[in-house]
Protein backbone atom coordinates (compact mmCIF):
# COMPACT_ATOMS: atom_id res chain seq x y z
CA MET A 1 6.56 2.65 -50.11
CA LEU A 2 6.17 3.38 -46.42
CA ALA A 3 7.09 6.59 -44.59
CA ILE A 4 7.23 6.47 -40.79
CA LEU A 5 6.81 9.90 -39.25
CA ALA A 6 7.38 11.21 -35.72
CA PRO A 7 5.41 14.21 -34.40
CA GLY A 8 6.81 17.33 -32.77
CA GLN A 9 6.17 19.46 -29.73
CA GLY A 10 2.55 20.35 -29.10
CA ALA A 11 1.39 16.79 -29.76
CA GLN A 12 1.59 15.88 -26.07
CA THR A 13 -1.57 15.33 -23.99
CA PRO A 14 -2.01 14.46 -20.29
CA GLY A 15 -2.03 10.73 -19.62
CA MET A 16 -0.87 9.78 -23.11
CA LEU A 17 1.33 6.91 -21.86
CA THR A 18 -1.26 5.29 -19.60
CA ALA A 19 -2.70 2.84 -22.13
CA TRP A 20 0.72 1.98 -23.57
CA LEU A 21 2.00 0.93 -20.14
CA GLU A 22 -0.53 -1.91 -20.10
CA LEU A 23 1.34 -3.65 -22.93
CA PRO A 24 4.04 -6.25 -22.16
CA GLY A 25 7.56 -4.88 -22.01
CA VAL A 26 6.56 -1.23 -22.22
CA PRO A 27 7.13 -0.34 -18.55
CA GLU A 28 10.65 -1.76 -18.68
CA HIS A 29 11.39 -0.02 -21.99
CA LEU A 30 10.09 3.28 -20.64
CA ALA A 31 12.31 2.91 -17.58
CA GLN A 32 15.35 2.62 -19.88
CA LEU A 33 14.31 5.70 -21.85
CA SER A 34 13.70 7.59 -18.61
CA ASP A 35 17.17 6.75 -17.34
CA ALA A 36 18.74 8.01 -20.57
CA ALA A 37 16.67 11.20 -20.45
CA GLU A 38 17.22 11.71 -16.71
CA LEU A 39 13.47 12.25 -16.27
CA ASP A 40 10.61 10.32 -14.67
CA LEU A 41 8.74 9.91 -17.95
CA ARG A 42 6.24 7.47 -16.44
CA THR A 43 4.96 10.12 -14.06
CA PHE A 44 4.93 12.84 -16.71
CA GLY A 45 3.16 10.54 -19.18
CA THR A 46 0.45 9.33 -16.80
CA VAL A 47 -0.44 11.73 -13.98
CA ALA A 48 1.13 15.09 -14.88
CA ASP A 49 -1.25 17.84 -15.97
CA ALA A 50 -1.18 19.89 -19.17
CA ASP A 51 0.87 22.70 -17.65
CA GLN A 52 3.53 20.31 -16.38
CA ILE A 53 4.01 18.62 -19.75
CA ARG A 54 3.95 21.95 -21.57
CA ASP A 55 7.40 22.62 -20.11
CA THR A 56 9.81 22.26 -23.03
CA ALA A 57 12.31 20.30 -20.95
CA VAL A 58 9.57 17.73 -20.26
CA ALA A 59 7.52 17.81 -23.46
CA GLN A 60 10.37 17.04 -25.83
CA PRO A 61 11.73 13.89 -24.12
CA LEU A 62 8.16 12.71 -23.45
CA ILE A 63 7.13 13.01 -27.10
CA VAL A 64 10.25 11.30 -28.44
CA ALA A 65 9.94 8.50 -25.88
CA THR A 66 6.29 7.95 -26.81
CA SER A 67 7.19 7.68 -30.50
CA LEU A 68 9.97 5.19 -29.77
CA LEU A 69 7.71 3.10 -27.54
CA ALA A 70 5.04 2.95 -30.25
CA TRP A 71 7.63 1.97 -32.87
CA SER A 72 8.92 -0.77 -30.57
CA CYS A 73 5.39 -2.08 -29.98
CA LEU A 74 5.14 -2.56 -33.74
CA GLY A 75 8.36 -4.58 -33.71
CA LYS A 76 10.54 -1.68 -34.87
CA PRO A 77 9.51 -1.97 -38.53
CA VAL A 78 11.93 -0.82 -41.21
CA ALA A 79 10.73 2.31 -42.98
CA ASP A 80 11.43 3.12 -46.61
CA VAL A 81 11.42 6.77 -45.51
CA ALA A 82 11.79 8.27 -42.04
CA ALA A 83 11.06 11.86 -41.07
CA GLY A 84 10.11 13.81 -37.99
CA HIS A 85 8.64 17.22 -37.39
CA SER A 86 10.94 19.41 -35.26
CA VAL A 87 11.92 17.37 -32.18
CA GLY A 88 10.41 14.37 -33.97
CA GLU A 89 13.55 14.39 -36.11
CA ILE A 90 15.36 12.82 -33.16
CA ALA A 91 12.98 9.85 -33.13
CA ALA A 92 13.31 9.63 -36.92
CA ALA A 93 17.09 9.48 -36.53
CA VAL A 94 16.66 6.38 -34.36
CA ILE A 95 14.29 4.77 -36.87
CA ALA A 96 16.84 5.43 -39.62
CA GLY A 97 19.67 3.94 -37.54
CA VAL A 98 21.58 7.21 -37.10
CA LEU A 99 21.33 7.35 -33.29
CA THR A 100 20.85 4.73 -30.60
CA GLU A 101 17.81 5.14 -28.37
CA ALA A 102 20.07 6.01 -25.44
CA ASP A 103 21.90 8.73 -27.35
CA ALA A 104 18.63 10.06 -28.75
CA MET A 105 17.10 10.39 -25.30
CA SER A 106 20.25 11.99 -23.96
CA LEU A 107 20.19 14.48 -26.84
CA VAL A 108 16.51 15.32 -26.48
CA HIS A 109 17.00 15.88 -22.74
CA GLU A 110 19.77 18.36 -23.49
CA ARG A 111 17.79 19.94 -26.34
CA GLY A 112 14.68 20.46 -24.24
CA MET A 113 16.65 21.86 -21.32
CA ARG A 114 18.66 24.29 -23.47
CA MET A 115 15.63 25.44 -25.43
CA ALA A 116 13.69 25.99 -22.20
CA GLN A 117 16.55 28.13 -20.92
CA ALA A 118 16.55 30.15 -24.14
CA ALA A 119 12.77 30.55 -23.99
CA ALA A 120 12.97 31.85 -20.42
CA GLN A 121 14.96 34.90 -21.51
CA VAL A 122 11.99 36.56 -23.26
CA ALA A 123 8.26 35.76 -23.20
CA THR A 124 7.74 34.13 -26.59
CA GLY A 125 5.38 31.69 -28.26
CA MET A 126 3.96 30.33 -31.49
CA SER A 127 0.63 30.51 -33.31
CA ALA A 128 -0.75 28.44 -36.18
CA VAL A 129 -2.20 30.35 -39.09
CA LEU A 130 -4.87 28.25 -40.79
CA GLY A 131 -5.86 29.27 -44.29
CA GLY A 132 -4.95 32.45 -46.09
CA GLU A 133 -2.56 32.80 -49.01
CA GLY A 134 0.97 31.66 -48.17
CA SER A 135 2.96 34.68 -49.27
CA GLY A 136 0.39 36.99 -47.68
CA VAL A 137 0.68 35.14 -44.36
CA VAL A 138 4.47 35.38 -44.44
CA ALA A 139 4.36 39.08 -45.32
CA LYS A 140 1.90 39.85 -42.52
CA ALA A 141 4.01 37.86 -40.03
CA GLU A 142 7.14 39.75 -40.99
CA GLU A 143 5.25 43.03 -40.72
CA TYR A 144 4.84 42.32 -37.00
CA GLY A 145 8.39 41.04 -36.57
CA LEU A 146 7.39 37.38 -36.46
CA THR A 147 9.22 34.45 -38.06
CA PRO A 148 7.42 31.86 -40.22
CA ALA A 149 8.89 29.09 -38.07
CA ASN A 150 7.00 26.08 -39.45
CA MET A 151 5.98 25.96 -43.10
CA ASN A 152 3.68 22.98 -42.69
CA GLY A 153 1.92 22.97 -46.05
CA ALA A 154 -1.75 22.14 -46.49
CA GLY A 155 -2.73 25.71 -45.67
CA GLN A 156 -0.90 25.88 -42.33
CA ILE A 157 1.97 28.14 -41.36
CA VAL A 158 3.19 28.53 -37.78
CA VAL A 159 4.55 31.94 -36.84
CA ALA A 160 6.70 32.65 -33.80
CA GLY A 161 7.99 35.59 -31.81
CA THR A 162 7.29 37.53 -28.64
CA LEU A 163 3.87 37.23 -27.03
CA GLU A 164 3.29 40.92 -27.68
CA GLN A 165 4.03 40.48 -31.39
CA LEU A 166 1.72 37.46 -31.53
CA ASP A 167 -1.10 39.42 -29.87
CA PHE A 168 -0.82 42.24 -32.40
CA PHE A 169 -0.74 39.72 -35.24
CA ALA A 170 -3.82 37.90 -33.95
CA ALA A 171 -5.71 41.19 -33.81
CA ASP A 172 -4.86 41.82 -37.47
CA PRO A 173 -4.80 38.36 -39.09
CA PRO A 174 -4.00 37.75 -42.75
CA GLU A 175 -7.03 37.82 -45.01
CA GLY A 176 -8.98 34.57 -45.07
CA SER A 177 -7.11 33.02 -42.15
CA ARG A 178 -7.65 31.95 -38.56
CA VAL A 179 -4.95 32.31 -35.90
CA ARG A 180 -4.68 29.71 -33.13
CA PRO A 181 -2.10 29.94 -30.30
CA LEU A 182 -0.12 26.74 -29.78
CA VAL A 183 0.56 24.99 -26.49
CA VAL A 184 4.31 25.52 -26.55
CA ALA A 185 6.60 27.49 -24.26
CA GLY A 186 8.75 29.45 -26.68
CA ALA A 187 9.44 30.75 -30.19
CA PHE A 188 11.08 27.60 -31.48
CA HIS A 189 12.93 27.55 -34.80
CA THR A 190 13.69 31.27 -34.62
CA ASN A 191 16.66 33.38 -33.57
CA HIS A 192 15.22 33.34 -30.04
CA MET A 193 16.61 29.78 -29.81
CA GLN A 194 20.13 30.71 -30.91
CA PRO A 195 21.52 30.57 -27.33
CA ALA A 196 20.72 26.84 -27.30
CA VAL A 197 22.65 26.05 -30.47
CA GLY A 198 26.17 26.54 -29.11
CA ALA A 199 25.61 24.32 -26.08
CA LEU A 200 23.98 21.63 -28.21
CA THR A 201 26.85 21.73 -30.68
CA ASP A 202 29.27 20.99 -27.86
CA PHE A 203 27.04 18.22 -26.52
CA ALA A 204 26.70 16.61 -29.95
CA GLY A 205 30.45 16.01 -29.87
CA THR A 206 29.86 13.35 -27.21
CA LEU A 207 27.52 11.34 -29.48
CA THR A 208 28.16 8.86 -32.27
CA ALA A 209 26.08 9.13 -35.44
CA THR A 210 26.09 6.44 -38.11
CA GLN A 211 25.03 6.43 -41.74
CA PRO A 212 21.23 6.26 -42.24
CA SER A 213 19.97 2.81 -43.18
CA THR A 214 16.97 4.26 -45.00
CA ILE A 215 15.90 7.52 -46.61
CA LEU A 216 16.00 10.16 -43.86
CA LEU A 217 14.45 13.52 -44.72
CA SER A 218 15.63 16.81 -43.24
CA ASN A 219 13.36 19.59 -41.96
CA ALA A 220 15.81 22.10 -43.41
CA ASP A 221 14.93 21.47 -47.05
CA GLY A 222 13.08 18.15 -47.36
CA CYS A 223 16.14 16.48 -48.86
CA SER A 224 17.53 13.05 -47.98
CA ILE A 225 20.52 12.90 -45.62
CA THR A 226 23.16 10.29 -46.43
CA GLU A 227 25.75 10.84 -43.70
CA GLY A 228 25.33 10.43 -39.95
CA ASP A 229 27.45 13.43 -38.97
CA VAL A 230 25.45 15.61 -41.36
CA ALA A 231 22.22 14.38 -39.80
CA LEU A 232 23.49 15.26 -36.33
CA ARG A 233 24.65 18.73 -37.38
CA ARG A 234 21.27 19.40 -38.98
CA LEU A 235 19.45 18.29 -35.84
CA ILE A 236 21.31 20.98 -33.92
CA ALA A 237 21.03 23.73 -36.54
CA GLN A 238 17.29 23.13 -36.90
CA VAL A 239 16.69 24.39 -33.36
CA SER A 240 16.97 27.99 -34.58
CA ASN A 241 15.95 27.51 -38.23
CA PRO A 242 12.46 27.18 -39.77
CA VAL A 243 10.90 23.75 -40.25
CA ARG A 244 10.05 23.09 -43.91
CA TRP A 245 7.57 20.27 -43.47
CA ASP A 246 5.94 21.32 -46.73
CA LEU A 247 9.14 20.36 -48.54
CA CYS A 248 9.32 17.04 -46.67
CA MET A 249 5.82 16.15 -47.90
CA GLU A 250 6.69 17.24 -51.43
CA MET A 251 9.72 14.96 -51.34
CA MET A 252 7.64 12.03 -50.09
CA ILE A 253 5.27 12.50 -53.00
CA SER A 254 8.10 12.81 -55.52
CA ILE A 255 9.83 9.59 -54.45
CA GLY A 256 6.62 7.58 -54.49
CA VAL A 257 5.50 7.17 -50.88
CA THR A 258 2.20 5.26 -50.85
CA GLY A 259 1.61 4.90 -47.10
CA VAL A 260 2.25 7.20 -44.13
CA LEU A 261 2.37 5.96 -40.54
CA GLU A 262 2.57 8.62 -37.83
CA LEU A 263 3.85 7.28 -34.53
CA ALA A 264 2.30 8.23 -31.21
CA PRO A 265 1.32 10.78 -30.11
CA GLY A 266 -0.01 10.80 -33.66
CA GLY A 267 -2.59 12.87 -35.49
CA THR A 268 -1.09 16.19 -36.52
CA LEU A 269 1.16 14.99 -39.35
CA VAL A 270 -1.46 12.62 -40.75
CA GLY A 271 -3.89 15.54 -40.79
CA LEU A 272 -1.44 17.52 -42.91
CA ALA A 273 -0.74 14.52 -45.15
CA LYS A 274 -4.42 13.94 -45.85
CA ARG A 275 -4.68 17.46 -47.27
CA ALA A 276 -1.30 17.72 -49.01
CA MET A 277 -0.72 14.10 -50.12
CA PRO A 278 -3.99 12.96 -51.71
CA GLY A 279 -4.18 9.27 -52.54
CA VAL A 280 -1.61 8.28 -49.91
CA ALA A 281 -2.87 5.85 -47.26
CA THR A 282 -2.44 7.07 -43.68
CA VAL A 283 -2.63 5.79 -40.13
CA ALA A 284 -2.17 7.91 -37.02
CA LEU A 285 -1.00 5.75 -34.13
CA LYS A 286 -2.73 7.53 -31.25
CA SER A 287 -3.17 4.60 -28.85
CA PRO A 288 -2.65 0.83 -28.69
CA ASP A 289 -6.09 0.48 -30.29
CA ASP A 290 -4.47 1.66 -33.55
CA LEU A 291 -1.71 -0.97 -33.60
CA GLN A 292 -3.57 -3.39 -35.86
CA ALA A 293 -4.36 -0.68 -38.40
CA ALA A 294 -0.69 0.30 -38.32
CA ARG A 295 0.43 -3.29 -38.88
CA THR A 296 -1.92 -3.59 -41.85
CA LEU A 297 -0.55 -0.38 -43.37
CA ILE A 298 3.02 -1.62 -42.90
CA ALA A 299 2.22 -4.97 -44.53
CA GLU A 300 0.58 -3.28 -47.51
CA HIS A 301 3.11 -0.50 -48.16
CA ALA A 302 6.56 -1.27 -46.72
CA GLY A 303 9.11 -2.18 -49.36
CA ARG A 304 7.03 -1.12 -52.38
CA VAL A 305 9.95 0.99 -53.57
CA ASP A 306 9.71 0.05 -57.24
CA GLU A 307 5.97 0.60 -57.66
């Protein structure tokens, strides 16, 4: 049983589209995605520096486009389960047949722009807490006014809030943990993003969402979504609500997922899966060099629903 996963913000790296653009059809496909996102994704994915692609309004469309390009290079395989972390949920919605690529890129453009505007109101950010006891990490975060924004499982919780709060927290970390600032431009999945929700709700009214064609997991609670309009509403609400990736992984285990493929720019979600989903085969699609390994995983695990 195959799960195809799409990574979230922070996975971007300078030049991450360069190698993909050497493959047949990719430049033309990227041009279509760029038009829908109203951004020059080729430039941002090849020659832009780390600071330029850190901008939320750029990073989010760039990451989703990269995931969709990688999926297309594999022949758009059908997943038994689709899920995405944070903005990766938009790519997962395409994989599950809920949104067209054009609507997905239009939505992620609006999402990134509105979240960037919300982030500009107050200097905020996010930090990963590696290790430590879960409830102790949450308690310490709340002590400093931070929100546990991403419950990632496998000993990783991401906290978010103002930069001042994050500095105080880093100086007094939870016992047995390490605190690492993330390369993001705001406190995503917290009340700091609430200003973006209203505008995105209005924008979502211009889109058409259809019923998922496969199991589509929600970041809200790890549960499967069965209706397109529900999926779209959850995509919007998730902007200011915590990501429960731990629950998504628990659900994948419970329904019998045997293989996990993380689309480009892959690595983060497979790292979490290796620790939290022992015995499950994984492939992180980081570059075209990983395409054959991805195809092998798909051939071995897709459709094994009854095993």
